Amino acid sequence: MASNAFIAFQTNDVTRCIVEAIVEDNPGAVVVEQPAMVKIDVPDRLVIKRTSVEEKLGRDFDLQELQLHLITISGHLDETDDEFTLSWNS
């Protein structure tokens, strides 16, 4: 049985671009918008790619910058300079 990995961000201009990148790179992503936050659920594995976020933002992006906008995560975290991955291992 699959479990959803998820991430939730404060709603702002930067996170709108991050969410666009996540949706583009993660087929099956479900976005739930609330007044002050946005949550993205993805079955099994959610990947945030630095290059995708940079394309959406139009500037360099350090994945550590996610921490400034992050509310919560669910899943096992694996982080490199190029990808931030949340997953559930079977």
N, C-alpha and C. Protein backbone atom coordinates (compact mmCIF):
# COMPACT_ATOMS: atom_id res chain seq x y z
N MET A 1 0.84 -1.19 0.00
CA MET A 1 0.00 0.00 0.00
C MET A 1 0.88 1.24 0.00
N ALA A 2 0.62 2.16 -0.90
CA ALA A 2 1.41 3.37 -1.04
C ALA A 2 1.05 4.39 0.04
N SER A 3 2.06 5.11 0.48
CA SER A 3 1.86 6.22 1.40
C SER A 3 2.25 7.49 0.69
N ASN A 4 1.61 8.58 1.05
CA ASN A 4 1.95 9.85 0.44
C ASN A 4 3.09 10.52 1.19
N ALA A 5 4.06 11.01 0.44
CA ALA A 5 5.03 11.94 0.98
C ALA A 5 4.41 13.31 0.77
N PHE A 6 4.61 14.23 1.72
CA PHE A 6 4.06 15.56 1.50
C PHE A 6 4.95 16.63 2.07
N ILE A 7 4.72 17.83 1.57
CA ILE A 7 5.43 19.01 2.05
C ILE A 7 4.43 20.15 2.07
N ALA A 8 4.56 21.03 3.05
CA ALA A 8 3.67 22.19 3.13
C ALA A 8 4.52 23.44 3.30
N PHE A 9 4.16 24.48 2.56
CA PHE A 9 4.86 25.75 2.57
C PHE A 9 3.93 26.89 2.95
N GLN A 10 4.52 27.98 3.46
CA GLN A 10 3.79 29.23 3.58
C GLN A 10 3.46 29.68 2.16
N THR A 11 2.36 30.36 2.00
CA THR A 11 1.98 30.86 0.69
C THR A 11 2.66 32.21 0.45
N ASN A 12 3.50 32.27 -0.59
CA ASN A 12 4.14 33.52 -0.99
C ASN A 12 4.63 33.39 -2.44
N ASP A 13 5.23 34.43 -2.97
CA ASP A 13 5.66 34.42 -4.38
C ASP A 13 6.70 33.35 -4.66
N VAL A 14 7.65 33.15 -3.74
CA VAL A 14 8.69 32.14 -3.94
C VAL A 14 8.09 30.74 -3.94
N THR A 15 7.21 30.47 -2.98
CA THR A 15 6.65 29.11 -2.90
C THR A 15 5.72 28.81 -4.07
N ARG A 16 5.12 29.81 -4.67
CA ARG A 16 4.32 29.55 -5.87
C ARG A 16 5.19 28.95 -6.96
N CYS A 17 6.40 29.47 -7.11
CA CYS A 17 7.34 28.93 -8.11
C CYS A 17 7.82 27.54 -7.71
N ILE A 18 8.08 27.32 -6.43
CA ILE A 18 8.51 26.00 -5.95
C ILE A 18 7.41 24.98 -6.22
N VAL A 19 6.17 25.33 -5.93
CA VAL A 19 5.04 24.42 -6.15
C VAL A 19 4.90 24.11 -7.64
N GLU A 20 5.04 25.10 -8.50
CA GLU A 20 4.97 24.85 -9.94
C GLU A 20 6.03 23.83 -10.36
N ALA A 21 7.24 23.97 -9.84
CA ALA A 21 8.33 23.04 -10.17
C ALA A 21 8.02 21.64 -9.65
N ILE A 22 7.49 21.54 -8.45
CA ILE A 22 7.15 20.23 -7.88
C ILE A 22 6.09 19.53 -8.73
N VAL A 23 5.05 20.25 -9.10
CA VAL A 23 3.97 19.67 -9.89
C VAL A 23 4.50 19.20 -11.25
N GLU A 24 5.36 19.98 -11.85
CA GLU A 24 5.93 19.62 -13.15
C GLU A 24 6.80 18.36 -13.06
N ASP A 25 7.56 18.22 -11.97
CA ASP A 25 8.50 17.11 -11.83
C ASP A 25 7.93 15.86 -11.16
N ASN A 26 6.73 15.96 -10.61
CA ASN A 26 6.14 14.85 -9.86
C ASN A 26 4.74 14.53 -10.37
N PRO A 27 4.64 13.65 -11.37
CA PRO A 27 3.31 13.25 -11.85
C PRO A 27 2.52 12.67 -10.67
N GLY A 28 1.28 13.01 -10.59
CA GLY A 28 0.46 12.51 -9.49
C GLY A 28 0.43 13.43 -8.28
N ALA A 29 1.17 14.54 -8.35
CA ALA A 29 1.16 15.49 -7.23
C ALA A 29 -0.22 16.11 -7.09
N VAL A 30 -0.67 16.22 -5.84
CA VAL A 30 -1.96 16.85 -5.54
C VAL A 30 -1.69 18.08 -4.69
N VAL A 31 -2.13 19.22 -5.17
CA VAL A 31 -1.91 20.49 -4.47
C VAL A 31 -3.18 20.88 -3.74
N VAL A 32 -3.04 21.17 -2.45
CA VAL A 32 -4.16 21.62 -1.63
C VAL A 32 -3.80 23.01 -1.11
N GLU A 33 -4.52 24.02 -1.62
CA GLU A 33 -4.25 25.39 -1.21
C GLU A 33 -5.19 25.78 -0.08
N GLN A 34 -4.61 26.41 0.94
CA GLN A 34 -5.36 26.94 2.06
C GLN A 34 -4.99 28.41 2.19
N PRO A 35 -5.69 29.18 3.02
CA PRO A 35 -5.42 30.62 3.07
C PRO A 35 -3.95 31.01 3.28
N ALA A 36 -3.25 30.37 4.17
CA ALA A 36 -1.87 30.78 4.48
C ALA A 36 -0.83 29.74 4.12
N MET A 37 -1.26 28.61 3.56
CA MET A 37 -0.30 27.57 3.22
C MET A 37 -0.74 26.77 2.01
N VAL A 38 0.22 26.06 1.44
CA VAL A 38 -0.06 25.16 0.33
C VAL A 38 0.63 23.83 0.65
N LYS A 39 -0.12 22.74 0.49
CA LYS A 39 0.39 21.40 0.78
C LYS A 39 0.39 20.61 -0.51
N ILE A 40 1.48 19.86 -0.71
CA ILE A 40 1.60 19.02 -1.90
C ILE A 40 1.79 17.58 -1.45
N ASP A 41 0.88 16.70 -1.87
CA ASP A 41 0.95 15.26 -1.60
C ASP A 41 1.37 14.55 -2.88
N VAL A 42 2.29 13.59 -2.73
CA VAL A 42 2.72 12.78 -3.86
C VAL A 42 2.82 11.33 -3.40
N PRO A 43 2.23 10.39 -4.13
CA PRO A 43 2.36 8.98 -3.74
C PRO A 43 3.82 8.53 -3.72
N ASP A 44 4.25 7.94 -2.62
CA ASP A 44 5.56 7.32 -2.43
C ASP A 44 6.76 8.26 -2.39
N ARG A 45 6.93 9.15 -3.38
CA ARG A 45 8.18 9.90 -3.48
C ARG A 45 7.94 11.28 -4.08
N LEU A 46 8.42 12.31 -3.38
CA LEU A 46 8.32 13.69 -3.83
C LEU A 46 9.74 14.23 -4.02
N VAL A 47 10.03 14.78 -5.20
CA VAL A 47 11.36 15.30 -5.49
C VAL A 47 11.26 16.78 -5.86
N ILE A 48 12.10 17.58 -5.22
CA ILE A 48 12.24 18.99 -5.59
C ILE A 48 13.62 19.14 -6.23
N LYS A 49 13.64 19.54 -7.49
CA LYS A 49 14.89 19.68 -8.22
C LYS A 49 15.31 21.15 -8.26
N ARG A 50 16.54 21.40 -7.85
CA ARG A 50 17.07 22.77 -7.84
C ARG A 50 16.93 23.43 -9.21
N THR A 51 17.29 22.72 -10.27
CA THR A 51 17.24 23.31 -11.61
C THR A 51 15.82 23.69 -12.02
N SER A 52 14.84 22.88 -11.64
CA SER A 52 13.44 23.20 -11.97
C SER A 52 12.97 24.45 -11.23
N VAL A 53 13.34 24.55 -9.95
CA VAL A 53 12.95 25.73 -9.17
C VAL A 53 13.63 26.97 -9.75
N GLU A 54 14.90 26.86 -10.13
CA GLU A 54 15.61 27.99 -10.73
C GLU A 54 14.93 28.46 -12.01
N GLU A 55 14.47 27.53 -12.83
CA GLU A 55 13.77 27.89 -14.07
C GLU A 55 12.51 28.70 -13.76
N LYS A 56 11.77 28.26 -12.75
CA LYS A 56 10.51 28.95 -12.40
C LYS A 56 10.76 30.31 -11.76
N LEU A 57 11.80 30.39 -10.91
CA LEU A 57 12.12 31.63 -10.22
C LEU A 57 12.86 32.63 -11.10
N GLY A 58 13.60 32.11 -12.08
CA GLY A 58 14.40 32.98 -12.92
C GLY A 58 15.67 33.47 -12.24
N ARG A 59 16.16 32.69 -11.27
CA ARG A 59 17.39 33.05 -10.54
C ARG A 59 17.99 31.80 -9.91
N ASP A 60 19.22 31.93 -9.42
CA ASP A 60 19.85 30.82 -8.71
C ASP A 60 19.04 30.52 -7.45
N PHE A 61 19.04 29.25 -7.05
CA PHE A 61 18.28 28.83 -5.87
C PHE A 61 19.07 27.76 -5.13
N ASP A 62 19.31 27.98 -3.86
CA ASP A 62 19.95 27.00 -2.99
C ASP A 62 18.81 26.25 -2.29
N LEU A 63 18.82 24.92 -2.37
CA LEU A 63 17.72 24.15 -1.76
C LEU A 63 17.58 24.40 -0.25
N GLN A 64 18.63 24.89 0.40
CA GLN A 64 18.53 25.24 1.82
C GLN A 64 17.51 26.37 2.03
N GLU A 65 17.27 27.14 0.99
CA GLU A 65 16.30 28.22 1.05
C GLU A 65 14.87 27.71 1.29
N LEU A 66 14.63 26.43 0.99
CA LEU A 66 13.32 25.84 1.27
C LEU A 66 12.95 26.01 2.74
N GLN A 67 13.96 25.94 3.62
CA GLN A 67 13.72 26.02 5.06
C GLN A 67 13.03 27.33 5.47
N LEU A 68 13.26 28.39 4.69
CA LEU A 68 12.66 29.68 5.01
C LEU A 68 11.15 29.69 4.82
N HIS A 69 10.66 28.80 3.98
CA HIS A 69 9.24 28.79 3.59
C HIS A 69 8.49 27.56 4.08
N LEU A 70 9.21 26.61 4.65
CA LEU A 70 8.67 25.31 5.01
C LEU A 70 7.82 25.36 6.28
N ILE A 71 6.69 24.66 6.25
CA ILE A 71 5.86 24.49 7.45
C ILE A 71 6.07 23.08 8.01
N THR A 72 5.92 22.05 7.15
CA THR A 72 6.08 20.68 7.61
C THR A 72 6.37 19.75 6.44
N ILE A 73 6.93 18.57 6.76
CA ILE A 73 7.17 17.54 5.77
C ILE A 73 6.76 16.18 6.33
N SER A 74 6.52 15.23 5.43
CA SER A 74 6.25 13.85 5.84
C SER A 74 6.96 12.93 4.86
N GLY A 75 7.81 12.07 5.40
CA GLY A 75 8.58 11.15 4.59
C GLY A 75 10.02 11.15 5.04
N HIS A 76 10.79 10.22 4.52
CA HIS A 76 12.21 10.14 4.81
C HIS A 76 12.92 11.14 3.92
N LEU A 77 13.73 12.00 4.52
CA LEU A 77 14.39 13.07 3.79
C LEU A 77 15.76 12.64 3.29
N ASP A 78 16.03 12.90 2.01
CA ASP A 78 17.36 12.73 1.42
C ASP A 78 17.64 14.03 0.67
N GLU A 79 18.71 14.69 1.04
CA GLU A 79 18.98 16.02 0.50
C GLU A 79 20.38 16.10 -0.08
N THR A 80 20.49 16.61 -1.31
CA THR A 80 21.78 16.90 -1.93
C THR A 80 21.74 18.36 -2.37
N ASP A 81 22.81 18.82 -3.00
CA ASP A 81 22.81 20.19 -3.51
C ASP A 81 21.81 20.37 -4.66
N ASP A 82 21.45 19.26 -5.32
CA ASP A 82 20.59 19.33 -6.51
C ASP A 82 19.16 18.85 -6.32
N GLU A 83 18.92 18.02 -5.29
CA GLU A 83 17.58 17.48 -5.08
C GLU A 83 17.25 17.36 -3.60
N PHE A 84 15.98 17.60 -3.29
CA PHE A 84 15.39 17.43 -1.97
C PHE A 84 14.32 16.38 -2.15
N THR A 85 14.50 15.19 -1.56
CA THR A 85 13.59 14.08 -1.81
C THR A 85 12.95 13.59 -0.50
N LEU A 86 11.64 13.44 -0.55
CA LEU A 86 10.88 12.82 0.53
C LEU A 86 10.31 11.52 -0.01
N SER A 87 10.47 10.43 0.73
CA SER A 87 9.97 9.15 0.23
C SER A 87 9.55 8.24 1.37
N TRP A 88 8.78 7.23 0.99
CA TRP A 88 8.40 6.15 1.90
C TRP A 88 8.92 4.87 1.29
N ASN A 89 9.82 4.20 1.98
CA ASN A 89 10.37 2.94 1.49
C ASN A 89 9.46 1.79 1.89
N SER A 90 9.27 0.87 0.96
CA SER A 90 8.41 -0.28 1.24
C SER A 90 9.09 -1.24 2.18
